[in-house]
Amino acid sequence: MPVAADDAAGVPVQVLFSVPKKRFKRAVDRNLIKRRSREAYRLHKHQLLYSHLPDKEIILSLTYVGKEIADYSFIEKKMIKLFAQLSGEVLK
C-alpha cells in the first residue's frame, strides 16, 4: 500500500518497482519480476545505512529494463551493487 505524503515524514526510504508492459505482456511475468525485486530489496535494505538517514529522505524508482526474466540470484546481485553505490552517494 502506498504511503501518503503526510505519512512519509518518518520513512527514510520509499521505493517503487516498475516493470514495463511493453516488454512483458503477461501480468504473471511482470508480477514475478516485481516480487523477486521486492524480496531482494527487503533482505538487503539495511545496506542503505538507515542509521545515517534520519535527516534525509530518499525516493527510489527502480525500473526493470531487461528483455528476459532474470533469476532471483541475478536480481539480488544487482540490488546489492545498487545499494553499495547509493550508500556511497548518500554519505557524501
PDB file of N, CA and C in Angstrom:
ATOM      1  N   MET A   1       0.841  -1.180   0.000  1.00  0.00           N
ATOM      2  CA  MET A   1       0.000   0.000   0.000  1.00  0.00           C
ATOM      3  C   MET A   1       0.885   1.242   0.000  1.00  0.00           C
ATOM      4  N   PRO A   2       0.650   2.185  -0.878  1.00  0.00           N
ATOM      5  CA  PRO A   2       1.478   3.385  -0.948  1.00  0.00           C
ATOM      6  C   PRO A   2       1.350   4.228   0.321  1.00  0.00           C
ATOM      7  N   VAL A   3       2.416   4.940   0.591  1.00  0.00           N
ATOM      8  CA  VAL A   3       2.445   5.821   1.752  1.00  0.00           C
ATOM      9  C   VAL A   3       2.023   7.214   1.307  1.00  0.00           C
ATOM     10  N   ALA A   4       1.061   7.790   2.005  1.00  0.00           N
ATOM     11  CA  ALA A   4       0.598   9.137   1.684  1.00  0.00           C
ATOM     12  C   ALA A   4       1.690  10.149   2.006  1.00  0.00           C
ATOM     13  N   ALA A   5       1.630  11.301   1.391  1.00  0.00           N
ATOM     14  CA  ALA A   5       2.655  12.329   1.597  1.00  0.00           C
ATOM     15  C   ALA A   5       2.742  12.746   3.065  1.00  0.00           C
ATOM     16  N   ASP A   6       1.594  12.775   3.758  1.00  0.00           N
ATOM     17  CA  ASP A   6       1.612  13.160   5.171  1.00  0.00           C
ATOM     18  C   ASP A   6       2.281  12.100   6.032  1.00  0.00           C
ATOM     19  N   ASP A   7       2.112  10.833   5.664  1.00  0.00           N
ATOM     20  CA  ASP A   7       2.678   9.729   6.433  1.00  0.00           C
ATOM     21  C   ASP A   7       4.147   9.492   6.117  1.00  0.00           C
ATOM     22  N   ALA A   8       4.663  10.059   5.052  1.00  0.00           N
ATOM     23  CA  ALA A   8       6.021   9.782   4.594  1.00  0.00           C
ATOM     24  C   ALA A   8       7.095  10.478   5.423  1.00  0.00           C
ATOM     25  N   ALA A   9       6.720  11.330   6.352  1.00  0.00           N
ATOM     26  CA  ALA A   9       7.704  12.105   7.111  1.00  0.00           C
ATOM     27  C   ALA A   9       8.649  11.227   7.911  1.00  0.00           C
ATOM     28  N   GLY A  10       8.180  10.114   8.480  1.00  0.00           N
ATOM     29  CA  GLY A  10       9.027   9.272   9.307  1.00  0.00           C
ATOM     30  C   GLY A  10       9.701   8.144   8.550  1.00  0.00           C
ATOM     31  N   VAL A  11       9.477   8.027   7.247  1.00  0.00           N
ATOM     32  CA  VAL A  11      10.031   6.937   6.454  1.00  0.00           C
ATOM     33  C   VAL A  11      11.246   7.450   5.684  1.00  0.00           C
ATOM     34  N   PRO A  12      12.436   6.909   5.943  1.00  0.00           N
ATOM     35  CA  PRO A  12      13.629   7.431   5.271  1.00  0.00           C
ATOM     36  C   PRO A  12      13.721   7.055   3.787  1.00  0.00           C
ATOM     37  N   VAL A  13      13.180   5.888   3.401  1.00  0.00           N
ATOM     38  CA  VAL A  13      13.301   5.441   2.013  1.00  0.00           C
ATOM     39  C   VAL A  13      11.947   4.941   1.522  1.00  0.00           C
ATOM     40  N   GLN A  14      11.541   5.430   0.352  1.00  0.00           N
ATOM     41  CA  GLN A  14      10.349   4.927  -0.325  1.00  0.00           C
ATOM     42  C   GLN A  14      10.798   4.346  -1.657  1.00  0.00           C
ATOM     43  N   VAL A  15      10.228   3.205  -2.024  1.00  0.00           N
ATOM     44  CA  VAL A  15      10.672   2.511  -3.230  1.00  0.00           C
ATOM     45  C   VAL A  15       9.475   2.176  -4.115  1.00  0.00           C
ATOM     46  N   LEU A  16       9.656   2.357  -5.424  1.00  0.00           N
ATOM     47  CA  LEU A  16       8.668   1.989  -6.423  1.00  0.00           C
ATOM     48  C   LEU A  16       9.342   1.014  -7.383  1.00  0.00           C
ATOM     49  N   PHE A  17       8.711  -0.127  -7.615  1.00  0.00           N
ATOM     50  CA  PHE A  17       9.222  -1.109  -8.566  1.00  0.00           C
ATOM     51  C   PHE A  17       8.330  -1.084  -9.797  1.00  0.00           C
ATOM     52  N   SER A  18       8.962  -1.001 -10.967  1.00  0.00           N
ATOM     53  CA  SER A  18       8.214  -0.892 -12.208  1.00  0.00           C
ATOM     54  C   SER A  18       8.764  -1.886 -13.232  1.00  0.00           C
ATOM     55  N   VAL A  19       7.848  -2.574 -13.914  1.00  0.00           N
ATOM     56  CA  VAL A  19       8.212  -3.485 -14.997  1.00  0.00           C
ATOM     57  C   VAL A  19       7.347  -3.104 -16.193  1.00  0.00           C
ATOM     58  N   PRO A  20       7.961  -2.751 -17.322  1.00  0.00           N
ATOM     59  CA  PRO A  20       7.184  -2.243 -18.455  1.00  0.00           C
ATOM     60  C   PRO A  20       6.291  -3.304 -19.107  1.00  0.00           C
ATOM     61  N   LYS A  21       5.067  -2.925 -19.359  1.00  0.00           N
ATOM     62  CA  LYS A  21       4.102  -3.800 -20.014  1.00  0.00           C
ATOM     63  C   LYS A  21       4.480  -4.024 -21.481  1.00  0.00           C
ATOM     64  N   LYS A  22       5.215  -3.093 -22.028  1.00  0.00           N
ATOM     65  CA  LYS A  22       5.619  -3.197 -23.427  1.00  0.00           C
ATOM     66  C   LYS A  22       6.523  -4.413 -23.658  1.00  0.00           C
ATOM     67  N   ARG A  23       7.382  -4.713 -22.676  1.00  0.00           N
ATOM     68  CA  ARG A  23       8.306  -5.844 -22.815  1.00  0.00           C
ATOM     69  C   ARG A  23       7.740  -7.143 -22.275  1.00  0.00           C
ATOM     70  N   PHE A  24       6.936  -7.055 -21.230  1.00  0.00           N
ATOM     71  CA  PHE A  24       6.367  -8.242 -20.601  1.00  0.00           C
ATOM     72  C   PHE A  24       4.848  -8.111 -20.637  1.00  0.00           C
ATOM     73  N   LYS A  25       4.238  -8.693 -21.648  1.00  0.00           N
ATOM     74  CA  LYS A  25       2.803  -8.541 -21.871  1.00  0.00           C
ATOM     75  C   LYS A  25       1.970  -9.200 -20.778  1.00  0.00           C
ATOM     76  N   ARG A  26       2.431 -10.324 -20.282  1.00  0.00           N
ATOM     77  CA  ARG A  26       1.657 -11.085 -19.300  1.00  0.00           C
ATOM     78  C   ARG A  26       1.876 -10.534 -17.892  1.00  0.00           C
ATOM     79  N   ALA A  27       0.792 -10.287 -17.187  1.00  0.00           N
ATOM     80  CA  ALA A  27       0.869  -9.754 -15.820  1.00  0.00           C
ATOM     81  C   ALA A  27       1.604 -10.716 -14.899  1.00  0.00           C
ATOM     82  N   VAL A  28       1.490 -12.007 -15.165  1.00  0.00           N
ATOM     83  CA  VAL A  28       2.167 -13.011 -14.340  1.00  0.00           C
ATOM     84  C   VAL A  28       3.680 -12.794 -14.382  1.00  0.00           C
ATOM     85  N   ASP A  29       4.210 -12.497 -15.562  1.00  0.00           N
ATOM     86  CA  ASP A  29       5.650 -12.257 -15.705  1.00  0.00           C
ATOM     87  C   ASP A  29       6.068 -10.968 -15.006  1.00  0.00           C
ATOM     88  N   ARG A  30       5.277  -9.910 -15.179  1.00  0.00           N
ATOM     89  CA  ARG A  30       5.596  -8.640 -14.526  1.00  0.00           C
ATOM     90  C   ARG A  30       5.563  -8.788 -13.012  1.00  0.00           C
ATOM     91  N   ASN A  31       4.572  -9.490 -12.509  1.00  0.00           N
ATOM     92  CA  ASN A  31       4.462  -9.691 -11.065  1.00  0.00           C
ATOM     93  C   ASN A  31       5.609 -10.535 -10.516  1.00  0.00           C
ATOM     94  N   LEU A  32       6.052 -11.529 -11.269  1.00  0.00           N
ATOM     95  CA  LEU A  32       7.181 -12.354 -10.840  1.00  0.00           C
ATOM     96  C   LEU A  32       8.444 -11.512 -10.684  1.00  0.00           C
ATOM     97  N   ILE A  33       8.708 -10.665 -11.652  1.00  0.00           N
ATOM     98  CA  ILE A  33       9.896  -9.807 -11.590  1.00  0.00           C
ATOM     99  C   ILE A  33       9.794  -8.832 -10.418  1.00  0.00           C
ATOM    100  N   LYS A  34       8.627  -8.228 -10.232  1.00  0.00           N
ATOM    101  CA  LYS A  34       8.446  -7.293  -9.112  1.00  0.00           C
ATOM    102  C   LYS A  34       8.576  -8.015  -7.773  1.00  0.00           C
ATOM    103  N   ARG A  35       8.047  -9.228  -7.674  1.00  0.00           N
ATOM    104  CA  ARG A  35       8.147  -9.997  -6.437  1.00  0.00           C
ATOM    105  C   ARG A  35       9.600 -10.313  -6.106  1.00  0.00           C
ATOM    106  N   ARG A  36      10.370 -10.725  -7.107  1.00  0.00           N
ATOM    107  CA  ARG A  36      11.798 -11.014  -6.891  1.00  0.00           C
ATOM    108  C   ARG A  36      12.553  -9.746  -6.504  1.00  0.00           C
ATOM    109  N   SER A  37      12.228  -8.645  -7.136  1.00  0.00           N
ATOM    110  CA  SER A  37      12.904  -7.379  -6.824  1.00  0.00           C
ATOM    111  C   SER A  37      12.571  -6.910  -5.412  1.00  0.00           C
ATOM    112  N   ARG A  38      11.312  -7.014  -5.023  1.00  0.00           N
ATOM    113  CA  ARG A  38      10.913  -6.609  -3.667  1.00  0.00           C
ATOM    114  C   ARG A  38      11.588  -7.457  -2.603  1.00  0.00           C
ATOM    115  N   GLU A  39      11.709  -8.755  -2.862  1.00  0.00           N
ATOM    116  CA  GLU A  39      12.354  -9.642  -1.888  1.00  0.00           C
ATOM    117  C   GLU A  39      13.836  -9.305  -1.756  1.00  0.00           C
ATOM    118  N   ALA A  40      14.510  -9.047  -2.867  1.00  0.00           N
ATOM    119  CA  ALA A  40      15.920  -8.662  -2.813  1.00  0.00           C
ATOM    120  C   ALA A  40      16.069  -7.345  -2.056  1.00  0.00           C
ATOM    121  N   TYR A  41      15.157  -6.410  -2.285  1.00  0.00           N
ATOM    122  CA  TYR A  41      15.189  -5.141  -1.556  1.00  0.00           C
ATOM    123  C   TYR A  41      14.978  -5.368  -0.058  1.00  0.00           C
ATOM    124  N   ARG A  42      13.983  -6.172   0.290  1.00  0.00           N
ATOM    125  CA  ARG A  42      13.650  -6.413   1.691  1.00  0.00           C
ATOM    126  C   ARG A  42      14.820  -7.040   2.448  1.00  0.00           C
ATOM    127  N   LEU A  43      15.514  -7.967   1.819  1.00  0.00           N
ATOM    128  CA  LEU A  43      16.601  -8.667   2.503  1.00  0.00           C
ATOM    129  C   LEU A  43      17.876  -7.833   2.625  1.00  0.00           C
ATOM    130  N   HIS A  44      18.039  -6.850   1.761  1.00  0.00           N
ATOM    131  CA  HIS A  44      19.306  -6.104   1.734  1.00  0.00           C
ATOM    132  C   HIS A  44      19.148  -4.607   1.965  1.00  0.00           C
ATOM    133  N   LYS A  45      17.974  -4.161   2.368  1.00  0.00           N
ATOM    134  CA  LYS A  45      17.765  -2.720   2.555  1.00  0.00           C
ATOM    135  C   LYS A  45      18.595  -2.152   3.700  1.00  0.00           C
ATOM    136  N   HIS A  46      19.068  -2.985   4.608  1.00  0.00           N
ATOM    137  CA  HIS A  46      19.914  -2.500   5.700  1.00  0.00           C
ATOM    138  C   HIS A  46      21.222  -1.918   5.174  1.00  0.00           C
ATOM    139  N   GLN A  47      21.613  -2.295   3.956  1.00  0.00           N
ATOM    140  CA  GLN A  47      22.848  -1.759   3.371  1.00  0.00           C
ATOM    141  C   GLN A  47      22.713  -0.287   2.983  1.00  0.00           C
ATOM    142  N   LEU A  48      21.508   0.232   2.990  1.00  0.00           N
ATOM    143  CA  LEU A  48      21.312   1.655   2.692  1.00  0.00           C
ATOM    144  C   LEU A  48      21.691   2.523   3.885  1.00  0.00           C
ATOM    145  N   LEU A  49      22.145   1.896   4.947  1.00  0.00           N
ATOM    146  CA  LEU A  49      22.602   2.613   6.146  1.00  0.00           C
ATOM    147  C   LEU A  49      21.488   3.482   6.720  1.00  0.00           C
ATOM    148  N   TYR A  50      20.416   2.831   7.127  1.00  0.00           N
ATOM    149  CA  TYR A  50      19.270   3.539   7.700  1.00  0.00           C
ATOM    150  C   TYR A  50      19.674   4.399   8.896  1.00  0.00           C
ATOM    151  N   SER A  51      20.720   3.998   9.611  1.00  0.00           N
ATOM    152  CA  SER A  51      21.136   4.789  10.772  1.00  0.00           C
ATOM    153  C   SER A  51      21.693   6.148  10.360  1.00  0.00           C
ATOM    154  N   HIS A  52      22.163   6.290   9.120  1.00  0.00           N
ATOM    155  CA  HIS A  52      22.710   7.562   8.635  1.00  0.00           C
ATOM    156  C   HIS A  52      21.662   8.411   7.924  1.00  0.00           C
ATOM    157  N   LEU A  53      20.409   7.947   7.899  1.00  0.00           N
ATOM    158  CA  LEU A  53      19.385   8.653   7.134  1.00  0.00           C
ATOM    159  C   LEU A  53      18.336   9.394   7.960  1.00  0.00           C
ATOM    160  N   PRO A  54      18.535   9.655   9.243  1.00  0.00           N
ATOM    161  CA  PRO A  54      17.441  10.294   9.980  1.00  0.00           C
ATOM    162  C   PRO A  54      17.092  11.683   9.461  1.00  0.00           C
ATOM    163  N   ASP A  55      18.039  12.383   8.879  1.00  0.00           N
ATOM    164  CA  ASP A  55      17.771  13.726   8.393  1.00  0.00           C
ATOM    165  C   ASP A  55      17.529  13.764   6.878  1.00  0.00           C
ATOM    166  N   LYS A  56      17.560  12.591   6.224  1.00  0.00           N
ATOM    167  CA  LYS A  56      17.391  12.539   4.776  1.00  0.00           C
ATOM    168  C   LYS A  56      16.229  11.624   4.416  1.00  0.00           C
ATOM    169  N   GLU A  57      15.592  11.938   3.318  1.00  0.00           N
ATOM    170  CA  GLU A  57      14.552  11.082   2.768  1.00  0.00           C
ATOM    171  C   GLU A  57      14.921  10.763   1.328  1.00  0.00           C
ATOM    172  N   ILE A  58      14.766   9.509   0.959  1.00  0.00           N
ATOM    173  CA  ILE A  58      15.110   9.058  -0.384  1.00  0.00           C
ATOM    174  C   ILE A  58      13.885   8.432  -1.014  1.00  0.00           C
ATOM    175  N   ILE A  59      13.630   8.780  -2.262  1.00  0.00           N
ATOM    176  CA  ILE A  59      12.567   8.147  -3.033  1.00  0.00           C
ATOM    177  C   ILE A  59      13.239   7.465  -4.219  1.00  0.00           C
ATOM    178  N   LEU A  60      13.129   6.140  -4.284  1.00  0.00           N
ATOM    179  CA  LEU A  60      13.745   5.357  -5.348  1.00  0.00           C
ATOM    180  C   LEU A  60      12.675   4.854  -6.304  1.00  0.00           C
ATOM    181  N   SER A  61      12.949   4.938  -7.571  1.00  0.00           N
ATOM    182  CA  SER A  61      12.105   4.322  -8.584  1.00  0.00           C
ATOM    183  C   SER A  61      12.986   3.355  -9.356  1.00  0.00           C
ATOM    184  N   LEU A  62      12.732   2.061  -9.196  1.00  0.00           N
ATOM    185  CA  LEU A  62      13.538   1.038  -9.842  1.00  0.00           C
ATOM    186  C   LEU A  62      12.741   0.425 -10.983  1.00  0.00           C
ATOM    187  N   THR A  63      13.235   0.590 -12.202  1.00  0.00           N
ATOM    188  CA  THR A  63      12.570   0.065 -13.384  1.00  0.00           C
ATOM    189  C   THR A  63      13.392  -1.075 -13.957  1.00  0.00           C
ATOM    190  N   TYR A  64      12.743  -2.182 -14.208  1.00  0.00           N
ATOM    191  CA  TYR A  64      13.393  -3.352 -14.783  1.00  0.00           C
ATOM    192  C   TYR A  64      13.533  -3.125 -16.279  1.00  0.00           C
ATOM    193  N   VAL A  65      14.762  -3.168 -16.795  1.00  0.00           N
ATOM    194  CA  VAL A  65      14.983  -2.860 -18.211  1.00  0.00           C
ATOM    195  C   VAL A  65      15.430  -4.072 -19.018  1.00  0.00           C
ATOM    196  N   GLY A  66      15.529  -5.229 -18.392  1.00  0.00           N
ATOM    197  CA  GLY A  66      15.941  -6.432 -19.105  1.00  0.00           C
ATOM    198  C   GLY A  66      14.891  -6.904 -20.090  1.00  0.00           C
ATOM    199  N   LYS A  67      15.303  -7.743 -21.028  1.00  0.00           N
ATOM    200  CA  LYS A  67      14.383  -8.287 -22.027  1.00  0.00           C
ATOM    201  C   LYS A  67      13.910  -9.687 -21.650  1.00  0.00           C
ATOM    202  N   GLU A  68      14.584 -10.300 -20.674  1.00  0.00           N
ATOM    203  CA  GLU A  68      14.225 -11.642 -20.232  1.00  0.00           C
ATOM    204  C   GLU A  68      14.000 -11.626 -18.724  1.00  0.00           C
ATOM    205  N   ILE A  69      13.274 -12.620 -18.250  1.00  0.00           N
ATOM    206  CA  ILE A  69      13.033 -12.738 -16.813  1.00  0.00           C
ATOM    207  C   ILE A  69      14.303 -13.291 -16.173  1.00  0.00           C
ATOM    208  N   ALA A  70      14.904 -12.510 -15.274  1.00  0.00           N
ATOM    209  CA  ALA A  70      16.158 -12.893 -14.634  1.00  0.00           C
ATOM    210  C   ALA A  70      15.893 -13.751 -13.402  1.00  0.00           C
ATOM    211  N   ASP A  71      16.868 -14.599 -13.071  1.00  0.00           N
ATOM    212  CA  ASP A  71      16.794 -15.390 -11.848  1.00  0.00           C
ATOM    213  C   ASP A  71      16.901 -14.468 -10.644  1.00  0.00           C
ATOM    214  N   TYR A  72      16.426 -14.969  -9.514  1.00  0.00           N
ATOM    215  CA  TYR A  72      16.487 -14.183  -8.280  1.00  0.00           C
ATOM    216  C   TYR A  72      17.934 -13.847  -7.921  1.00  0.00           C
ATOM    217  N   SER A  73      18.851 -14.792  -8.109  1.00  0.00           N
ATOM    218  CA  SER A  73      20.251 -14.554  -7.732  1.00  0.00           C
ATOM    219  C   SER A  73      20.849 -13.388  -8.515  1.00  0.00           C
ATOM    220  N   PHE A  74      20.482 -13.242  -9.784  1.00  0.00           N
ATOM    221  CA  PHE A  74      20.971 -12.133 -10.605  1.00  0.00           C
ATOM    222  C   PHE A  74      20.401 -10.807 -10.100  1.00  0.00           C
ATOM    223  N   ILE A  75      19.100 -10.787  -9.825  1.00  0.00           N
ATOM    224  CA  ILE A  75      18.455  -9.572  -9.323  1.00  0.00           C
ATOM    225  C   ILE A  75      19.045  -9.185  -7.974  1.00  0.00           C
ATOM    226  N   GLU A  76      19.279 -10.163  -7.122  1.00  0.00           N
ATOM    227  CA  GLU A  76      19.848  -9.901  -5.808  1.00  0.00           C
ATOM    228  C   GLU A  76      21.250  -9.309  -5.917  1.00  0.00           C
ATOM    229  N   LYS A  77      22.062  -9.863  -6.805  1.00  0.00           N
ATOM    230  CA  LYS A  77      23.431  -9.362  -7.001  1.00  0.00           C
ATOM    231  C   LYS A  77      23.409  -7.908  -7.469  1.00  0.00           C
ATOM    232  N   LYS A  78      22.527  -7.581  -8.395  1.00  0.00           N
ATOM    233  CA  LYS A  78      22.428  -6.213  -8.902  1.00  0.00           C
ATOM    234  C   LYS A  78      21.883  -5.258  -7.840  1.00  0.00           C
ATOM    235  N   MET A  79      20.970  -5.737  -7.001  1.00  0.00           N
ATOM    236  CA  MET A  79      20.407  -4.913  -5.934  1.00  0.00           C
ATOM    237  C   MET A  79      21.504  -4.570  -4.909  1.00  0.00           C
ATOM    238  N   ILE A  80      22.348  -5.537  -4.582  1.00  0.00           N
ATOM    239  CA  ILE A  80      23.446  -5.299  -3.643  1.00  0.00           C
ATOM    240  C   ILE A  80      24.413  -4.267  -4.223  1.00  0.00           C
ATOM    241  N   LYS A  81      24.702  -4.387  -5.512  1.00  0.00           N
ATOM    242  CA  LYS A  81      25.596  -3.422  -6.171  1.00  0.00           C
ATOM    243  C   LYS A  81      24.984  -2.017  -6.165  1.00  0.00           C
ATOM    244  N   LEU A  82      23.683  -1.940  -6.432  1.00  0.00           N
ATOM    245  CA  LEU A  82      22.978  -0.659  -6.415  1.00  0.00           C
ATOM    246  C   LEU A  82      23.044  -0.027  -5.032  1.00  0.00           C
ATOM    247  N   PHE A  83      22.802  -0.823  -3.984  1.00  0.00           N
ATOM    248  CA  PHE A  83      22.834  -0.299  -2.617  1.00  0.00           C
ATOM    249  C   PHE A  83      24.219   0.183  -2.242  1.00  0.00           C
ATOM    250  N   ALA A  84      25.258  -0.492  -2.686  1.00  0.00           N
ATOM    251  CA  ALA A  84      26.623  -0.049  -2.401  1.00  0.00           C
ATOM    252  C   ALA A  84      26.891   1.313  -3.030  1.00  0.00           C
ATOM    253  N   GLN A  85      26.464   1.482  -4.274  1.00  0.00           N
ATOM    254  CA  GLN A  85      26.664   2.761  -4.963  1.00  0.00           C
ATOM    255  C   GLN A  85      25.816   3.865  -4.313  1.00  0.00           C
ATOM    256  N   LEU A  86      24.598   3.542  -3.991  1.00  0.00           N
ATOM    257  CA  LEU A  86      23.704   4.531  -3.399  1.00  0.00           C
ATOM    258  C   LEU A  86      24.174   4.948  -2.014  1.00  0.00           C
ATOM    259  N   SER A  87      24.670   4.008  -1.228  1.00  0.00           N
ATOM    260  CA  SER A  87      25.185   4.330   0.096  1.00  0.00           C
ATOM    261  C   SER A  87      26.368   5.287   0.010  1.00  0.00           C
ATOM    262  N   GLY A  88      27.216   5.072  -0.991  1.00  0.00           N
ATOM    263  CA  GLY A  88      28.350   5.968  -1.199  1.00  0.00           C
ATOM    264  C   GLY A  88      27.899   7.381  -1.535  1.00  0.00           C
ATOM    265  N   GLU A  89      26.854   7.496  -2.344  1.00  0.00           N
ATOM    266  CA  GLU A  89      26.334   8.816  -2.721  1.00  0.00           C
ATOM    267  C   GLU A  89      25.642   9.504  -1.541  1.00  0.00           C
ATOM    268  N   VAL A  90      24.937   8.749  -0.733  1.00  0.00           N
ATOM    269  CA  VAL A  90      24.198   9.325   0.400  1.00  0.00           C
ATOM    270  C   VAL A  90      25.166   9.858   1.452  1.00  0.00           C
ATOM    271  N   LEU A  91      26.277   9.181   1.648  1.00  0.00           N
ATOM    272  CA  LEU A  91      27.232   9.581   2.676  1.00  0.00           C
ATOM    273  C   LEU A  91      28.075  10.780   2.277  1.00  0.00           C
ATOM    274  N   LYS A  92      28.041  11.185   1.015  1.00  0.00           N
ATOM    275  CA  LYS A  92      28.830  12.348   0.568  1.00  0.00           C
ATOM    276  C   LYS A  92      28.289  13.629   1.158  1.00  0.00           C
TER     277      LYS A  92
END
